[in-house]
Amino acid sequence: MNAQPSNPPPSAVRAVEGSDFARLSKKIAAAGLMSRRPGYYAARISAVAALYVGGWTAFVLVGDTWWTLLVAAFLALVFGQVALLAHDVAHRQVFRLRKASERTGRLAGNAGIGMGYGWWQDKHTRHHANPNHEDLDPDLIPDVLVWSQKQARASKGLPRLLGRFQAFLFFPLLTLEGFNLHVAGVRSLADRSVKHRVTEGSLLFAHFALYLGALFLVLPPGMAVAFLVVHQCLFGVYLGAIFAPNHKGMPILTGDDRPDFLRRQVLTSRNVRGGWLTDVALGGLNHQIEHHLFPSMPSPHLRRARQIVRRHCQELGLTYLETSLIDSYRQALTSLHRAGAPIRQAAA
């Protein structure tokens, strides 16, 4: 299934006309915040493409010296920005037509950074439908870490081994996230539900061939491996640093605990305060509440939408959490440590 991440269908909104979310939607629409920003995205795509080309040009020019590891760090940031663009494309923030979105997403994701776009899109769609739901959100699957004490008590294997100290291991484990994206993308090619698997696979393996070919043609083997490790590890840490503040440490829903759309999105999401630099570094996802309420809203409009959404939540007496970036990490790590408590108690 490759459904696009989207807002609730208009029919669902009409069915509860006058609902809290419907009234908020009218305010957002009246402010013109759902209108597209082709000029902004043309400039952003051009800038990221220039950085991408510039980074690989610097890689060739620096050549066989250990200064190339600085280029690896730079390209890790650029790969993260490409991933953020692919995210906006998947949410139909950039293009009106689905085909244009899918083609651009595959070009940026599969060919650009070696991420399986179809696999990620399906996973991310399910996350948006049920954020922080223990049974329905794929981001809460206890494959390496446990996210709740219920998962900790039922854990076996690697999650149980790591669970006692997972808060301390979280950021070190993020160094593997870049590699995980590549592996998951390749594994998804065996899933018949993924559309255009031939295209996705061709672009993925073309990326791997060009990437590894460039590394081992320009650099001696040892330096090439060092470049690969630094680049992929920092890329993983950057991605984790972008997404960790959004939901980790927020309330976890279970079973039939499914509040209405507005509360489901607001109560499980966290905003991060900051200026334009924070917006650039986190791709606008620091306005996570607004993004989850209106996924197809262009990211430069999220900051303006924040004022409307926060005021609406205050009128409803609905908790609207906004914190600093550092405090968001503290909350996430505290939650991870609390989740692993049953494993520590059993070990003691």
Protein backbone atom coordinates (compact mmCIF):
# COMPACT_ATOMS: atom_id res chain seq x y z
CA MET A 1 0.00 0.00 0.00
CA ASN A 2 1.45 3.37 -1.03
CA ALA A 3 -1.20 5.85 0.01
CA GLN A 4 -0.01 9.44 0.21
CA PRO A 5 0.20 11.01 3.69
CA SER A 6 -2.74 13.40 3.76
CA ASN A 7 -5.33 15.21 5.80
CA PRO A 8 -8.60 13.46 6.74
CA PRO A 9 -10.86 13.07 3.68
CA PRO A 10 -13.30 15.96 3.14
CA SER A 11 -16.23 13.58 3.69
CA ALA A 12 -14.92 12.76 7.17
CA VAL A 13 -14.68 16.45 8.02
CA ARG A 14 -18.19 17.12 6.68
CA ALA A 15 -19.53 14.24 8.77
CA VAL A 16 -18.46 16.07 11.91
CA GLU A 17 -19.04 19.60 10.63
CA GLY A 18 -18.48 22.01 13.44
CA SER A 19 -15.98 19.70 15.12
CA ASP A 20 -12.91 21.15 16.79
CA PHE A 21 -10.69 20.18 13.86
CA ALA A 22 -13.17 21.44 11.25
CA ARG A 23 -13.24 24.86 12.91
CA LEU A 24 -9.44 24.93 13.00
CA SER A 25 -9.28 23.94 9.32
CA LYS A 26 -11.49 26.89 8.41
CA LYS A 27 -9.17 29.27 10.25
CA ILE A 28 -6.11 27.82 8.49
CA ALA A 29 -7.78 27.99 5.07
CA ALA A 30 -8.93 31.57 5.68
CA ALA A 31 -5.32 32.53 6.40
CA GLY A 32 -4.27 31.06 3.02
CA LEU A 33 -1.80 28.68 4.62
CA MET A 34 -2.69 25.67 2.47
CA SER A 35 -1.73 27.43 -0.76
CA ARG A 36 1.34 26.09 -2.58
CA ARG A 37 4.75 27.81 -2.61
CA PRO A 38 6.34 26.94 -5.97
CA GLY A 39 8.89 29.75 -5.75
CA TYR A 40 10.08 28.67 -2.32
CA TYR A 41 10.45 25.03 -3.32
CA ALA A 42 12.16 25.91 -6.61
CA ALA A 43 14.74 27.89 -4.64
CA ARG A 44 15.11 25.21 -1.95
CA ILE A 45 15.49 22.36 -4.43
CA SER A 46 18.05 24.38 -6.40
CA ALA A 47 20.02 25.18 -3.25
CA VAL A 48 20.08 21.57 -2.02
CA ALA A 49 21.00 20.31 -5.50
CA ALA A 50 23.85 22.83 -5.65
CA LEU A 51 25.12 21.70 -2.25
CA TYR A 52 24.88 18.06 -3.33
CA VAL A 53 26.86 18.64 -6.53
CA GLY A 54 29.28 20.94 -4.72
CA GLY A 55 29.93 18.35 -2.03
CA TRP A 56 30.82 15.62 -4.51
CA THR A 57 32.91 18.08 -6.53
CA ALA A 58 34.85 18.93 -3.34
CA PHE A 59 35.26 15.20 -2.72
CA VAL A 60 37.01 14.79 -6.09
CA LEU A 61 39.11 17.96 -5.70
CA VAL A 62 40.27 17.17 -2.15
CA GLY A 63 41.12 13.66 -3.26
CA ASP A 64 43.53 11.35 -1.47
CA THR A 65 43.96 13.25 1.83
CA TRP A 66 42.39 12.88 5.24
CA TRP A 67 40.72 16.26 4.73
CA THR A 68 38.18 14.24 2.79
CA LEU A 69 36.55 13.31 6.11
CA LEU A 70 35.41 16.93 6.43
CA VAL A 71 33.73 16.50 3.06
CA ALA A 72 32.09 13.34 4.42
CA ALA A 73 30.67 15.32 7.35
CA PHE A 74 29.41 18.03 5.00
CA LEU A 75 27.74 15.48 2.73
CA ALA A 76 26.05 13.89 5.75
CA LEU A 77 24.25 17.19 6.32
CA VAL A 78 23.42 17.48 2.63
CA PHE A 79 21.98 13.94 2.55
CA GLY A 80 19.81 14.92 5.52
CA GLN A 81 18.50 17.94 3.61
CA VAL A 82 17.73 15.72 0.61
CA ALA A 83 15.77 13.40 2.93
CA LEU A 84 13.79 16.38 4.24
CA LEU A 85 12.94 17.41 0.69
CA ALA A 86 11.80 13.87 -0.10
CA HIS A 87 9.60 14.10 3.01
CA ASP A 88 7.91 17.29 1.77
CA VAL A 89 7.46 15.80 -1.69
CA ALA A 90 5.81 12.68 -0.24
CA HIS A 91 3.29 14.85 1.59
CA ARG A 92 2.31 16.58 -1.67
CA GLN A 93 3.59 19.92 -0.37
CA VAL A 94 5.63 20.56 -3.52
CA PHE A 95 3.66 19.21 -6.50
CA ARG A 96 -0.07 19.00 -7.03
CA LEU A 97 0.07 15.85 -9.16
CA ARG A 98 0.81 12.46 -7.59
CA LYS A 99 3.01 11.23 -10.46
CA ALA A 100 5.27 14.26 -10.24
CA SER A 101 5.55 13.74 -6.48
CA GLU A 102 6.38 10.04 -6.82
CA ARG A 103 8.98 10.55 -9.55
CA THR A 104 10.70 13.36 -7.67
CA GLY A 105 10.56 11.39 -4.42
CA ARG A 106 12.19 8.35 -6.01
CA LEU A 107 14.84 10.52 -7.65
CA ALA A 108 15.71 12.22 -4.35
CA GLY A 109 15.27 9.19 -2.10
CA ASN A 110 16.37 6.14 -4.09
CA ALA A 111 18.89 7.71 -6.47
CA GLY A 112 20.01 10.62 -4.31
CA ILE A 113 20.60 9.08 -0.90
CA GLY A 114 19.90 5.34 -1.28
CA MET A 115 16.63 5.33 0.67
CA GLY A 116 13.72 3.14 -0.47
CA TYR A 117 11.09 5.81 -1.15
CA GLY A 118 8.16 3.41 -1.51
CA TRP A 119 8.99 1.57 1.72
CA TRP A 120 9.48 4.79 3.66
CA GLN A 121 6.32 6.41 2.27
CA ASP A 122 4.13 3.50 3.34
CA LYS A 123 5.71 3.42 6.80
CA HIS A 124 5.39 7.17 7.25
CA THR A 125 1.76 7.18 6.11
CA ARG A 126 0.86 4.65 8.78
CA HIS A 127 2.74 6.71 11.37
CA HIS A 128 0.74 9.83 10.49
CA ALA A 129 -2.55 7.96 10.78
CA ASN A 130 -1.76 6.68 14.30
CA PRO A 131 1.13 8.63 15.84
CA ASN A 132 2.57 7.12 19.01
CA HIS A 133 0.04 4.28 19.06
CA GLU A 134 1.80 1.25 20.51
CA ASP A 135 0.02 -1.21 18.24
CA LEU A 136 -0.44 0.84 15.05
CA ASP A 137 2.51 3.21 14.69
CA PRO A 138 5.40 1.45 12.88
CA ASP A 139 7.85 3.84 14.54
CA LEU A 140 7.05 2.17 17.89
CA ILE A 141 7.91 -1.37 16.85
CA PRO A 142 10.35 -2.75 19.47
CA ASP A 143 12.89 -4.07 16.97
CA VAL A 144 15.97 -2.68 18.77
CA LEU A 145 14.62 -0.41 21.52
CA VAL A 146 11.53 -0.67 23.70
CA TRP A 147 9.27 2.36 23.89
CA SER A 148 7.02 1.40 26.81
CA GLN A 149 7.22 -0.70 29.96
CA LYS A 150 4.68 -3.09 28.40
CA GLN A 151 7.09 -3.72 25.54
CA ALA A 152 9.97 -4.04 28.00
CA ARG A 153 8.21 -6.78 29.97
CA ALA A 154 7.54 -8.76 26.77
CA SER A 155 10.95 -8.11 25.21
CA LYS A 156 13.39 -10.79 24.11
CA GLY A 157 16.67 -10.87 22.26
CA LEU A 158 18.31 -7.58 21.31
CA PRO A 159 15.67 -5.22 22.78
CA ARG A 160 15.98 -6.99 26.14
CA LEU A 161 19.77 -6.91 25.96
CA LEU A 162 19.87 -3.19 25.20
CA GLY A 163 16.79 -2.14 27.14
CA ARG A 164 18.50 -1.63 30.50
CA PHE A 165 20.80 1.09 29.13
CA GLN A 166 18.90 2.18 26.00
CA ALA A 167 18.73 5.84 27.00
CA PHE A 168 22.55 5.94 27.07
CA LEU A 169 22.77 3.96 23.82
CA PHE A 170 20.22 5.97 21.86
CA PHE A 171 22.53 8.47 20.15
CA PRO A 172 25.34 5.92 19.57
CA LEU A 173 22.76 3.63 17.93
CA LEU A 174 21.71 6.46 15.62
CA THR A 175 25.07 6.06 13.87
CA LEU A 176 23.58 2.91 12.33
CA GLU A 177 20.39 4.57 11.09
CA GLY A 178 21.83 5.49 7.69
CA PHE A 179 22.83 1.88 7.08
CA ASN A 180 19.41 0.75 8.32
CA LEU A 181 17.66 2.92 5.72
CA HIS A 182 19.66 1.29 2.93
CA VAL A 183 19.02 -2.24 4.18
CA ALA A 184 15.30 -1.62 4.72
CA GLY A 185 14.98 -0.16 1.22
CA VAL A 186 16.58 -3.22 -0.36
CA ARG A 187 14.54 -5.65 1.75
CA SER A 188 11.31 -3.89 0.77
CA LEU A 189 11.91 -4.83 -2.87
CA ALA A 190 10.70 -8.34 -1.97
CA ASP A 191 7.35 -6.90 -0.82
CA ARG A 192 4.79 -7.16 -3.62
CA SER A 193 2.74 -4.33 -2.12
CA VAL A 194 5.52 -1.86 -2.99
CA LYS A 195 4.69 -0.23 -6.31
CA HIS A 196 7.21 0.15 -9.13
CA ARG A 197 9.68 -2.22 -7.51
CA VAL A 198 11.79 -2.49 -10.66
CA THR A 199 12.20 1.28 -10.85
CA GLU A 200 12.87 1.55 -7.13
CA GLY A 201 15.42 -1.27 -7.20
CA SER A 202 17.18 0.08 -10.30
CA LEU A 203 17.58 3.53 -8.73
CA LEU A 204 18.71 2.08 -5.40
CA PHE A 205 21.41 -0.14 -6.87
CA ALA A 206 22.50 2.62 -9.25
CA HIS A 207 23.06 4.82 -6.20
CA PHE A 208 25.06 2.13 -4.39
CA ALA A 209 27.19 1.43 -7.48
CA LEU A 210 27.98 5.10 -8.13
CA TYR A 211 28.56 5.85 -4.44
CA LEU A 212 30.94 2.96 -3.79
CA GLY A 213 32.56 3.33 -7.20
CA ALA A 214 33.37 6.99 -6.52
CA LEU A 215 34.79 6.21 -3.09
CA PHE A 216 37.11 3.42 -4.19
CA LEU A 217 38.17 5.12 -7.44
CA VAL A 218 39.17 8.40 -5.80
CA LEU A 219 40.46 7.12 -2.43
CA PRO A 220 42.68 4.23 -1.33
CA PRO A 221 40.69 1.38 0.29
CA GLY A 222 41.33 2.32 3.93
CA MET A 223 40.45 5.96 3.39
CA ALA A 224 37.39 5.00 1.34
CA VAL A 225 36.09 2.86 4.19
CA ALA A 226 36.77 5.69 6.67
CA PHE A 227 34.86 8.12 4.44
CA LEU A 228 31.93 5.70 4.19
CA VAL A 229 31.78 5.18 7.96
CA VAL A 230 32.00 8.89 8.83
CA HIS A 231 29.50 9.88 6.15
CA GLN A 232 26.86 7.23 6.89
CA CYS A 233 27.19 7.44 10.67
CA LEU A 234 26.82 11.22 10.77
CA PHE A 235 23.95 11.02 8.28
CA GLY A 236 22.17 8.62 10.66
CA VAL A 237 22.79 10.84 13.68
CA TYR A 238 21.49 13.89 11.81
CA LEU A 239 18.30 12.08 10.77
CA GLY A 240 17.75 10.84 14.32
CA ALA A 241 18.37 14.30 15.73
CA ILE A 242 15.66 15.64 13.38
CA PHE A 243 12.98 13.07 14.18
CA ALA A 244 13.65 12.23 17.85
CA PRO A 245 12.19 15.52 19.26
CA ASN A 246 8.86 15.03 17.47
CA HIS A 247 7.12 12.22 19.42
CA LYS A 248 9.60 10.40 21.64
CA GLY A 249 8.65 10.92 25.26
CA MET A 250 5.09 11.99 24.39
CA PRO A 251 2.00 10.03 25.56
CA ILE A 252 1.71 6.56 24.02
CA LEU A 253 -1.74 5.35 22.95
CA THR A 254 -2.72 1.69 23.29
CA GLY A 255 -5.55 -0.63 22.30
CA ASP A 256 -8.81 1.20 21.60
CA ASP A 257 -7.43 4.47 22.92
CA ARG A 258 -8.12 6.58 19.82
CA PRO A 259 -9.15 10.19 20.50
CA ASP A 260 -10.50 12.36 17.70
CA PHE A 261 -8.14 13.50 14.93
CA LEU A 262 -7.24 16.86 16.50
CA ARG A 263 -6.37 15.42 19.91
CA ARG A 264 -4.67 12.35 18.45
CA GLN A 265 -2.22 14.59 16.61
CA VAL A 266 -1.73 17.37 19.16
CA LEU A 267 -1.35 15.29 22.32
CA THR A 268 1.25 12.93 20.82
CA SER A 269 3.41 15.61 19.16
CA ARG A 270 5.90 18.15 20.44
CA ASN A 271 7.07 21.43 18.93
CA VAL A 272 10.62 22.75 19.20
CA ARG A 273 11.20 26.45 19.70
CA GLY A 274 13.74 28.25 17.53
CA GLY A 275 14.31 30.71 14.72
CA TRP A 276 15.04 30.39 11.03
CA LEU A 277 18.17 28.29 11.64
CA THR A 278 16.09 25.71 13.52
CA ASP A 279 13.59 25.69 10.64
CA VAL A 280 16.38 25.01 8.16
CA ALA A 281 18.18 22.39 10.25
CA LEU A 282 14.97 20.47 11.09
CA GLY A 283 13.24 21.11 7.78
CA GLY A 284 10.24 22.73 9.46
CA LEU A 285 9.55 19.56 11.46
CA ASN A 286 10.18 21.55 14.62
CA HIS A 287 6.54 22.62 14.02
CA GLN A 288 5.50 18.99 14.42
CA ILE A 289 2.01 19.64 15.77
CA GLU A 290 1.06 21.79 12.78
CA HIS A 291 2.67 19.33 10.37
CA HIS A 292 0.67 16.41 11.77
CA LEU A 293 -2.57 18.36 11.65
CA PHE A 294 -1.97 19.59 8.10
CA PRO A 295 0.60 17.28 6.43
CA SER A 296 0.21 18.84 2.97
CA MET A 297 0.83 22.38 4.24
CA PRO A 298 4.06 23.78 2.72
CA SER A 299 6.74 23.85 5.40
CA PRO A 300 7.36 27.65 5.21
CA HIS A 301 3.74 28.18 6.34
CA LEU A 302 4.05 26.05 9.47
CA ARG A 303 5.48 28.86 11.60
CA ARG A 304 2.49 31.10 10.85
CA ALA A 305 0.06 28.23 11.39
CA ARG A 306 1.58 27.68 14.83
CA GLN A 307 0.01 30.86 16.20
CA ILE A 308 -3.45 29.86 14.99
CA VAL A 309 -3.18 26.26 16.21
CA ARG A 310 -1.80 27.21 19.62
CA ARG A 311 -4.56 29.77 20.19
CA HIS A 312 -7.19 27.21 19.10
CA CYS A 313 -5.79 24.64 21.54
CA GLN A 314 -5.81 27.21 24.35
CA GLU A 315 -9.49 27.92 23.67
CA LEU A 316 -10.21 24.19 23.96
CA GLY A 317 -8.05 23.71 27.06
CA LEU A 318 -5.92 21.28 25.05
CA THR A 319 -2.27 20.77 26.04
CA TYR A 320 0.06 22.21 23.38
CA LEU A 321 3.66 21.28 24.18
CA GLU A 322 6.53 23.39 22.91
CA THR A 323 10.05 23.18 24.28
CA SER A 324 13.70 23.80 23.43
CA LEU A 325 15.66 21.36 21.28
CA ILE A 326 17.88 20.28 24.17
CA ASP A 327 14.91 19.76 26.47
CA SER A 328 13.14 17.70 23.79
CA TYR A 329 16.11 15.32 23.79
CA ARG A 330 16.08 15.23 27.58
CA GLN A 331 12.40 14.29 27.58
CA ALA A 332 12.95 11.60 24.95
CA LEU A 333 15.89 10.05 26.81
CA THR A 334 14.05 10.19 30.14
CA SER A 335 11.13 8.34 28.56
CA LEU A 336 13.46 5.70 27.12
CA HIS A 337 15.09 5.18 30.51
CA ARG A 338 11.68 4.85 32.18
CA ALA A 339 10.52 2.35 29.54
CA GLY A 340 13.49 0.08 30.27
CA ALA A 341 12.79 -0.05 34.01
CA PRO A 342 11.17 -3.55 34.02
CA ILE A 343 14.27 -5.02 32.34
CA ARG A 344 16.55 -3.43 34.93
CA GLN A 345 14.33 -4.67 37.75
CA ALA A 346 14.31 -8.22 36.35
CA ALA A 347 18.09 -8.16 36.01
CA ALA A 348 18.48 -6.94 39.58
